[in-house]
C-alpha atoms as a PDB file:
ATOM      1  CA  UNK A   1      80.820  21.102  20.736  1.00  0.00           C
ATOM      2  CA  UNK A   2      77.947  21.354  23.197  1.00  0.00           C
ATOM      3  CA  UNK A   3      74.822  23.893  23.394  1.00  0.00           C
ATOM      4  CA  UNK A   4      75.998  24.942  26.877  1.00  0.00           C
ATOM      5  CA  UNK A   5      78.876  27.206  25.470  1.00  0.00           C
ATOM      6  CA  UNK A   6      76.410  29.636  24.139  1.00  0.00           C
ATOM      7  CA  UNK A   7      75.796  30.822  27.835  1.00  0.00           C
ATOM      8  CA  UNK A   8      79.187  30.093  28.906  1.00  0.00           C
ATOM      9  CA  UNK A   9      78.089  27.220  31.061  1.00  0.00           C
ATOM     10  CA  UNK A  10      81.092  24.646  29.951  1.00  0.00           C
ATOM     11  CA  UNK A  11      80.052  22.115  32.431  1.00  0.00           C
ATOM     12  CA  UNK A  12      76.723  21.275  31.050  1.00  0.00           C
ATOM     13  CA  UNK A  13      76.275  17.561  31.156  1.00  0.00           C
ATOM     14  CA  UNK A  14      76.376  15.765  27.704  1.00  0.00           C
ATOM     15  CA  UNK A  15      75.848  11.943  27.317  1.00  0.00           C
ATOM     16  CA  UNK A  16      75.753   9.534  24.349  1.00  0.00           C
ATOM     17  CA  UNK A  17      72.660   7.411  24.138  1.00  0.00           C
ATOM     18  CA  UNK A  18      71.573   5.064  21.169  1.00  0.00           C
ATOM     19  CA  UNK A  19      68.633   6.431  19.183  1.00  0.00           C
ATOM     20  CA  UNK A  20      66.433   3.445  18.035  1.00  0.00           C
ATOM     21  CA  UNK A  21      64.327   5.741  15.834  1.00  0.00           C
ATOM     22  CA  UNK A  22      64.587   5.911  11.917  1.00  0.00           C
ATOM     23  CA  UNK A  23      64.130   9.457  11.339  1.00  0.00           C
ATOM     24  CA  UNK A  24      66.529  12.261  10.996  1.00  0.00           C
ATOM     25  CA  UNK A  25      67.497  14.005  14.170  1.00  0.00           C
ATOM     26  CA  UNK A  26      66.842  18.097  14.767  1.00  0.00           C
ATOM     27  CA  UNK A  27      69.142  20.230  16.740  1.00  0.00           C
ATOM     28  CA  UNK A  28      67.197  20.950  19.946  1.00  0.00           C
ATOM     29  CA  UNK A  29      64.820  17.835  19.714  1.00  0.00           C
ATOM     30  CA  UNK A  30      63.963  16.009  22.947  1.00  0.00           C
ATOM     31  CA  UNK A  31      64.401  12.332  22.991  1.00  0.00           C
ATOM     32  CA  UNK A  32      63.262  10.156  25.935  1.00  0.00           C
ATOM     33  CA  UNK A  33      64.163   6.797  27.396  1.00  0.00           C
ATOM     34  CA  UNK A  34      62.614   3.896  25.178  1.00  0.00           C
ATOM     35  CA  UNK A  35      59.782   2.787  27.143  1.00  0.00           C
ATOM     36  CA  UNK A  36      59.730  -1.091  26.245  1.00  0.00           C
ATOM     37  CA  UNK A  37      63.337  -1.592  26.344  1.00  0.00           C
ATOM     38  CA  UNK A  38      64.464  -4.058  28.936  1.00  0.00           C
ATOM     39  CA  UNK A  39      67.554  -4.073  31.398  1.00  0.00           C
ATOM     40  CA  UNK A  40      68.612  -7.541  30.201  1.00  0.00           C
ATOM     41  CA  UNK A  41      68.365  -7.429  26.498  1.00  0.00           C
ATOM     42  CA  UNK A  42      71.315  -9.301  24.493  1.00  0.00           C
ATOM     43  CA  UNK A  43      72.240  -6.271  22.656  1.00  0.00           C
ATOM     44  CA  UNK A  44      73.734  -3.591  25.190  1.00  0.00           C
ATOM     45  CA  UNK A  45      72.873  -0.560  23.121  1.00  0.00           C
ATOM     46  CA  UNK A  46      69.166  -1.684  23.380  1.00  0.00           C
ATOM     47  CA  UNK A  47      69.040  -2.127  27.058  1.00  0.00           C
ATOM     48  CA  UNK A  48      66.915   0.069  29.203  1.00  0.00           C
ATOM     49  CA  UNK A  49      68.604   3.270  29.931  1.00  0.00           C
ATOM     50  CA  UNK A  50      70.789   3.313  26.653  1.00  0.00           C
ATOM     51  CA  UNK A  51      67.861   3.135  24.222  1.00  0.00           C
ATOM     52  CA  UNK A  52      66.351   6.552  23.549  1.00  0.00           C
ATOM     53  CA  UNK A  53      63.403   7.246  21.294  1.00  0.00           C
ATOM     54  CA  UNK A  54      61.112  10.595  20.020  1.00  0.00           C
ATOM     55  CA  UNK A  55      58.613  11.419  22.559  1.00  0.00           C
ATOM     56  CA  UNK A  56      55.496   9.694  22.751  1.00  0.00           C
ATOM     57  CA  UNK A  57      52.613   9.438  25.158  1.00  0.00           C
ATOM     58  CA  UNK A  58      54.272   6.358  26.795  1.00  0.00           C
ATOM     59  CA  UNK A  59      57.650   8.120  27.513  1.00  0.00           C
ATOM     60  CA  UNK A  60      56.939  11.597  27.942  1.00  0.00           C
ATOM     61  CA  UNK A  61      57.978  11.844  31.495  1.00  0.00           C
ATOM     62  CA  UNK A  62      61.191  10.175  30.809  1.00  0.00           C
ATOM     63  CA  UNK A  63      63.090  13.157  29.231  1.00  0.00           C
ATOM     64  CA  UNK A  64      66.848  12.225  28.641  1.00  0.00           C
ATOM     65  CA  UNK A  65      68.256  15.282  26.996  1.00  0.00           C
ATOM     66  CA  UNK A  66      68.444  17.465  23.902  1.00  0.00           C
ATOM     67  CA  UNK A  67      69.764  16.516  20.614  1.00  0.00           C
ATOM     68  CA  UNK A  68      73.223  18.675  20.149  1.00  0.00           C
ATOM     69  CA  UNK A  69      73.640  20.688  17.124  1.00  0.00           C
ATOM     70  CA  UNK A  70      76.541  18.278  15.909  1.00  0.00           C
ATOM     71  CA  UNK A  71      73.825  15.666  15.435  1.00  0.00           C
ATOM     72  CA  UNK A  72      71.368  17.261  13.553  1.00  0.00           C
ATOM     73  CA  UNK A  73      70.436  15.590  10.460  1.00  0.00           C
ATOM     74  CA  UNK A  74      71.832  12.255  11.246  1.00  0.00           C
ATOM     75  CA  UNK A  75      69.444   9.596  10.703  1.00  0.00           C
ATOM     76  CA  UNK A  76      68.755   6.748  13.220  1.00  0.00           C
ATOM     77  CA  UNK A  77      69.188   4.054  14.649  1.00  0.00           C
ATOM     78  CA  UNK A  78      72.513   5.902  15.654  1.00  0.00           C
ATOM     79  CA  UNK A  79      74.436   6.798  18.730  1.00  0.00           C
ATOM     80  CA  UNK A  80      73.685  10.161  19.596  1.00  0.00           C
ATOM     81  CA  UNK A  81      75.116  13.072  21.690  1.00  0.00           C
ATOM     82  CA  UNK A  82      72.410  14.644  23.891  1.00  0.00           C
ATOM     83  CA  UNK A  83      72.963  17.546  26.455  1.00  0.00           C
ATOM     84  CA  UNK A  84      71.331  17.040  29.623  1.00  0.00           C
ATOM     85  CA  UNK A  85      70.379  20.429  31.153  1.00  0.00           C
ATOM     86  CA  UNK A  86      70.325  20.136  34.705  1.00  0.00           C
ATOM     87  CA  UNK A  87      68.174  22.814  36.984  1.00  0.00           C
ATOM     88  CA  UNK A  88      69.747  26.492  36.355  1.00  0.00           C
ATOM     89  CA  UNK A  89      71.318  25.569  32.871  1.00  0.00           C
ATOM     90  CA  UNK A  90      70.330  27.337  29.918  1.00  0.00           C
ATOM     91  CA  UNK A  91      70.222  25.325  26.152  1.00  0.00           C
ATOM     92  CA  UNK A  92      68.458  25.788  23.014  1.00  0.00           C
ATOM     93  CA  UNK A  93      65.423  23.505  22.745  1.00  0.00           C
ATOM     94  CA  UNK A  94      63.043  22.985  20.009  1.00  0.00           C
ATOM     95  CA  UNK A  95      59.505  24.633  20.449  1.00  0.00           C
ATOM     96  CA  UNK A  96      56.247  23.715  19.119  1.00  0.00           C
ATOM     97  CA  UNK A  97      55.114  26.367  16.489  1.00  0.00           C
ATOM     98  CA  UNK A  98      51.430  27.086  16.871  1.00  0.00           C
ATOM     99  CA  UNK A  99      51.510  30.137  19.027  1.00  0.00           C
ATOM    100  CA  UNK A 100      54.110  32.907  19.763  1.00  0.00           C
ATOM    101  CA  UNK A 101      56.492  32.432  22.757  1.00  0.00           C
ATOM    102  CA  UNK A 102      57.575  35.373  24.980  1.00  0.00           C
ATOM    103  CA  UNK A 103      60.216  35.889  27.432  1.00  0.00           C
ATOM    104  CA  UNK A 104      59.415  34.160  30.663  1.00  0.00           C
ATOM    105  CA  UNK A 105      56.874  31.880  29.382  1.00  0.00           C
ATOM    106  CA  UNK A 106      56.701  28.094  31.125  1.00  0.00           C
ATOM    107  CA  UNK A 107      57.372  25.149  28.759  1.00  0.00           C
ATOM    108  CA  UNK A 108      57.396  21.425  29.037  1.00  0.00           C
ATOM    109  CA  UNK A 109      57.545  18.431  26.906  1.00  0.00           C
ATOM    110  CA  UNK A 110      54.761  17.712  24.202  1.00  0.00           C
ATOM    111  CA  UNK A 111      54.237  14.039  23.432  1.00  0.00           C
ATOM    112  CA  UNK A 112      52.481  14.472  20.088  1.00  0.00           C
ATOM    113  CA  UNK A 113      55.043  17.035  18.767  1.00  0.00           C
ATOM    114  CA  UNK A 114      58.367  15.656  20.357  1.00  0.00           C
ATOM    115  CA  UNK A 115      59.494  19.131  21.202  1.00  0.00           C
ATOM    116  CA  UNK A 116      58.517  21.824  24.323  1.00  0.00           C
ATOM    117  CA  UNK A 117      54.942  23.225  24.471  1.00  0.00           C
ATOM    118  CA  UNK A 118      53.342  25.633  26.748  1.00  0.00           C
ATOM    119  CA  UNK A 119      53.087  24.310  30.206  1.00  0.00           C
ATOM    120  CA  UNK A 120      50.343  23.123  32.154  1.00  0.00           C
ATOM    121  CA  UNK A 121      52.463  23.597  35.361  1.00  0.00           C
ATOM    122  CA  UNK A 122      50.871  20.312  36.971  1.00  0.00           C
ATOM    123  CA  UNK A 123      52.642  18.679  39.726  1.00  0.00           C
ATOM    124  CA  UNK A 124      55.951  16.682  38.474  1.00  0.00           C
ATOM    125  CA  UNK A 125      56.137  18.537  34.947  1.00  0.00           C
ATOM    126  CA  UNK A 126      59.725  19.005  33.569  1.00  0.00           C
ATOM    127  CA  UNK A 127      59.668  22.579  32.988  1.00  0.00           C
ATOM    128  CA  UNK A 128      61.822  24.858  31.244  1.00  0.00           C
ATOM    129  CA  UNK A 129      61.295  28.733  31.052  1.00  0.00           C
ATOM    130  CA  UNK A 130      61.709  30.811  27.782  1.00  0.00           C
ATOM    131  CA  UNK A 131      64.894  33.162  27.751  1.00  0.00           C
ATOM    132  CA  UNK A 132      64.307  34.151  24.030  1.00  0.00           C
ATOM    133  CA  UNK A 133      60.786  35.212  22.502  1.00  0.00           C
ATOM    134  CA  UNK A 134      60.005  33.747  19.364  1.00  0.00           C
ATOM    135  CA  UNK A 135      57.056  36.081  17.892  1.00  0.00           C
ATOM    136  CA  UNK A 136      56.269  33.773  14.975  1.00  0.00           C
ATOM    137  CA  UNK A 137      54.946  30.490  14.165  1.00  0.00           C
ATOM    138  CA  UNK A 138      57.175  27.778  13.044  1.00  0.00           C
ATOM    139  CA  UNK A 139      59.156  25.031  14.775  1.00  0.00           C
ATOM    140  CA  UNK A 140      62.187  26.656  15.978  1.00  0.00           C
ATOM    141  CA  UNK A 141      64.766  25.934  18.906  1.00  0.00           C
ATOM    142  CA  UNK A 142      64.992  28.954  21.498  1.00  0.00           C
ATOM    143  CA  UNK A 143      66.923  29.398  24.430  1.00  0.00           C
ATOM    144  CA  UNK A 144      65.525  28.001  27.518  1.00  0.00           C
ATOM    145  CA  UNK A 145      66.185  27.915  31.139  1.00  0.00           C
ATOM    146  CA  UNK A 146      65.882  24.483  32.827  1.00  0.00           C
ATOM    147  CA  UNK A 147      63.706  25.060  36.028  1.00  0.00           C
END
């Protein structure tokens, strides 16, 4: 079941992609297109557009979706269900934990941590707005609105 039902939005887009990493997935974790995948790989699941990985400096601008709660704890490589919030959708997404987040804060994907961080509001950012405060530190998923 998707995260979209928390806000009554039953039409939030859900897709399946192949997670090429070897770590355990976390609910609300952001995944991006695998930057070194090719369009003509002999293995279809490893082709560009199918293969996804954790955020890094090379794929930061290619967020594919958010790991659904049903996928939490699964270890890659594995097919994974991702939620793809479109502009106006709300979902739960993981936020970096070094500072408190308050209602209305702008957030964007962060390459070093693989989750949302405070936004720089630079042109072309993939922005989210916090709908749920998180007053204490610690990496947790909070409700966000996709801008």
